Protein backbone atom coordinates (compact mmCIF):
# COMPACT_ATOMS: atom_id res chain seq x y z
CA UNK A 1 6.75 -10.97 61.99
CA UNK A 2 5.65 -11.09 58.29
CA UNK A 3 5.55 -14.33 56.46
CA UNK A 4 6.31 -12.41 52.91
CA UNK A 5 3.28 -13.24 51.06
CA UNK A 6 -0.31 -12.26 51.10
CA UNK A 7 -1.59 -14.45 53.19
CA UNK A 8 -1.18 -11.77 56.01
CA UNK A 9 -0.92 -7.95 56.08
CA UNK A 10 2.21 -6.15 55.85
CA UNK A 11 5.56 -5.38 53.43
CA UNK A 12 6.24 -7.64 50.60
CA UNK A 13 9.62 -8.32 49.49
CA UNK A 14 10.45 -10.82 46.23
CA UNK A 15 10.90 -14.50 46.97
CA UNK A 16 13.17 -14.97 43.59
CA UNK A 17 16.70 -13.70 42.38
CA UNK A 18 17.28 -10.00 41.70
CA UNK A 19 18.72 -9.13 38.34
CA UNK A 20 22.28 -8.10 38.01
CA UNK A 21 23.17 -5.03 39.80
CA UNK A 22 26.52 -3.37 41.30
CA UNK A 23 29.43 -5.22 40.73
CA UNK A 24 27.63 -7.52 38.15
CA UNK A 25 25.80 -5.03 36.52
CA UNK A 26 29.22 -3.12 35.31
CA UNK A 27 31.36 -6.45 34.61
CA UNK A 28 28.48 -6.74 31.78
CA UNK A 29 29.30 -3.38 30.73
CA UNK A 30 33.01 -3.93 31.38
CA UNK A 31 32.58 -6.69 29.15
CA UNK A 32 29.67 -5.02 26.70
CA UNK A 33 32.67 -2.49 26.18
CA UNK A 34 35.37 -4.76 25.59
CA UNK A 35 33.47 -7.29 22.91
CA UNK A 36 32.46 -4.45 20.70
CA UNK A 37 34.95 -2.33 20.44
CA UNK A 38 38.17 -4.46 21.24
CA UNK A 39 39.84 -2.63 23.65
CA UNK A 40 41.83 -4.80 26.26
CA UNK A 41 39.94 -5.51 29.11
CA UNK A 42 42.25 -4.57 32.24
CA UNK A 43 41.75 -0.90 30.64
CA UNK A 44 37.83 -0.84 31.13
CA UNK A 45 37.19 0.40 34.69
CA UNK A 46 34.15 2.50 36.49
CA UNK A 47 34.40 5.68 37.22
CA UNK A 48 33.62 4.96 41.13
CA UNK A 49 36.58 2.12 40.73
CA UNK A 50 39.33 2.90 43.65
CA UNK A 51 42.22 2.40 41.16
CA UNK A 52 40.39 4.34 38.22
CA UNK A 53 43.63 6.99 38.16
CA UNK A 54 46.47 4.27 37.82
CA UNK A 55 44.36 2.64 34.81
CA UNK A 56 43.14 5.75 33.11
CA UNK A 57 47.11 6.91 33.26
CA UNK A 58 48.91 3.91 32.97
CA UNK A 59 47.24 3.31 29.07
CA UNK A 60 47.40 5.18 26.18
CA UNK A 61 44.11 3.76 25.10
CA UNK A 62 41.33 3.25 27.72
CA UNK A 63 37.36 3.15 28.45
CA UNK A 64 36.29 4.41 31.81
CA UNK A 65 31.99 4.19 32.01
CA UNK A 66 29.74 5.57 34.60
CA UNK A 67 26.08 3.61 35.52
CA UNK A 68 24.56 7.36 35.21
CA UNK A 69 20.93 6.68 35.76
CA UNK A 70 18.49 3.67 35.83
CA UNK A 71 14.86 3.98 35.61
CA UNK A 72 11.77 2.24 34.44
CA UNK A 73 9.13 2.71 31.23
CA UNK A 74 6.12 2.05 31.43
CA UNK A 75 3.95 0.58 34.21
CA UNK A 76 4.89 -2.60 36.10
CA UNK A 77 2.84 -5.63 35.73
CA UNK A 78 1.47 -8.57 37.29
CA UNK A 79 1.78 -11.95 35.31
CA UNK A 80 1.97 -15.54 35.80
CA UNK A 81 -0.45 -15.69 38.37
CA UNK A 82 0.25 -19.49 40.02
CA UNK A 83 -1.20 -20.62 43.41
CA UNK A 84 1.37 -18.67 45.23
CA UNK A 85 2.94 -16.30 43.66
CA UNK A 86 3.09 -13.99 40.91
CA UNK A 87 5.77 -12.44 38.67
CA UNK A 88 6.17 -8.80 38.46
CA UNK A 89 7.39 -7.53 35.26
CA UNK A 90 9.14 -3.77 34.62
CA UNK A 91 10.81 -2.80 31.87
CA UNK A 92 14.09 -1.06 32.85
CA UNK A 93 16.20 1.76 31.11
CA UNK A 94 20.50 1.89 32.16
CA UNK A 95 22.19 4.94 30.87
CA UNK A 96 25.33 4.27 30.99
CA UNK A 97 28.15 7.31 30.33
CA UNK A 98 31.26 5.77 28.16
CA UNK A 99 34.49 7.60 28.69
CA UNK A 100 37.28 7.06 26.18
CA UNK A 101 40.93 8.11 26.39
CA UNK A 102 44.32 7.96 24.37
CA UNK A 103 45.27 8.91 20.92
CA UNK A 104 42.86 6.54 19.49
CA UNK A 105 40.18 7.27 22.09
CA UNK A 106 37.94 8.86 18.84
CA UNK A 107 38.68 5.22 17.14
CA UNK A 108 37.25 3.06 19.72
CA UNK A 109 34.44 5.41 20.81
CA UNK A 110 33.12 5.20 16.99
CA UNK A 111 33.93 1.67 16.73
CA UNK A 112 31.93 1.42 19.55
CA UNK A 113 28.92 3.01 18.17
CA UNK A 114 29.27 1.23 14.93
CA UNK A 115 29.21 -2.36 16.60
CA UNK A 116 26.54 -1.47 18.63
CA UNK A 117 24.70 -1.89 15.53
CA UNK A 118 25.16 -4.81 14.29
CA UNK A 119 22.25 -7.91 15.23
CA UNK A 120 25.16 -10.58 16.04
CA UNK A 121 26.45 -8.17 19.00
CA UNK A 122 22.42 -7.69 20.31
CA UNK A 123 22.62 -11.82 20.83
CA UNK A 124 25.66 -11.17 22.67
CA UNK A 125 23.92 -8.63 25.12
CA UNK A 126 20.18 -10.99 24.99
CA UNK A 127 22.37 -13.82 27.01
CA UNK A 128 23.18 -10.93 29.59
CA UNK A 129 19.34 -9.86 29.33
CA UNK A 130 20.20 -6.75 27.69
CA UNK A 131 20.00 -4.65 25.31
CA UNK A 132 21.24 -1.09 23.19
CA UNK A 133 18.27 1.07 22.41
CA UNK A 134 20.72 4.19 21.63
CA UNK A 135 24.08 5.44 21.29
CA UNK A 136 24.42 9.23 21.57
CA UNK A 137 26.67 10.97 19.40
CA UNK A 138 30.51 10.95 20.34
CA UNK A 139 31.15 14.24 22.47
CA UNK A 140 34.91 16.25 22.52
CA UNK A 141 36.24 16.99 25.95
CA UNK A 142 39.76 16.61 27.74
CA UNK A 143 40.85 16.11 31.18
CA UNK A 144 43.27 16.38 33.38
CA UNK A 145 44.15 13.10 35.51
CA UNK A 146 47.53 13.52 37.49
CA UNK A 147 48.85 16.34 36.11
CA UNK A 148 48.05 15.22 32.57
CA UNK A 149 45.67 16.17 29.80
CA UNK A 150 44.24 13.13 28.24
CA UNK A 151 41.89 13.41 25.44
CA UNK A 152 38.37 11.77 25.88
CA UNK A 153 35.74 11.10 24.01
CA UNK A 154 32.78 10.33 25.67
CA UNK A 155 29.21 9.06 24.47
CA UNK A 156 26.18 8.18 26.49
CA UNK A 157 24.67 4.53 25.36
CA UNK A 158 21.11 3.46 26.69
CA UNK A 159 20.49 -0.31 27.89
CA UNK A 160 17.53 -1.76 28.31
CA UNK A 161 16.10 -4.72 29.90
CA UNK A 162 12.92 -6.42 31.51
CA UNK A 163 12.95 -7.23 34.98
CA UNK A 164 11.28 -10.09 36.19
CA UNK A 165 10.66 -10.52 40.16
CA UNK A 166 8.68 -12.85 41.93
CA UNK A 167 6.45 -11.94 44.60
CA UNK A 168 4.48 -14.62 46.83
CA UNK A 169 0.96 -13.35 45.81
CA UNK A 170 -1.36 -15.97 46.74
CA UNK A 171 -4.07 -16.58 44.43
CA UNK A 172 -7.66 -16.53 45.45
CA UNK A 173 -9.31 -19.40 45.27
CA UNK A 174 -12.38 -19.58 46.96
CA UNK A 175 -14.20 -16.61 48.70
CA UNK A 176 -17.34 -17.05 51.19
CA UNK A 177 -19.96 -15.06 48.86
CA UNK A 178 -23.57 -14.12 50.96
CA UNK A 179 -26.46 -13.37 48.81
CA UNK A 180 -28.75 -10.92 50.65
CA UNK A 181 -32.00 -9.67 49.31
CA UNK A 182 -34.78 -11.36 48.01
């Protein structure tokens, strides 16, 4: 059985809590969209949600989002080596596709694009350990939902965050040394 440290051979898993993923990360995205463009939070939903179509059809204006891709940038680094642990730093890139629906969809999408440039909004994101790298241009589309054609504007927002995970990597305190030769 592995003791989850570098004292013995075997796999290492993090000994610290993970950063926000899954539902927590989706709630962060929902708050980000609501905070920047001003849509009612009840009309912002993940495309993967079970009640997606009811939210989109019930509202004149709404936003659905998809976490398209989560990737890393550069190489991870082991830092802050202590006697019984080390931290692994990794930059993570989160690509999120936003779909704005309704008669004011273009307005809300443009609000998001413009509001994502404000330093005060960046400060709010930093509290969630996130930053906005860029927003793509708005793309016009339409979609058939429950036999009704809905106006839609799309954009991709690229978020960045630093991931920190602690591992049970023990520092090398002493090493037996034998010197051979004359």
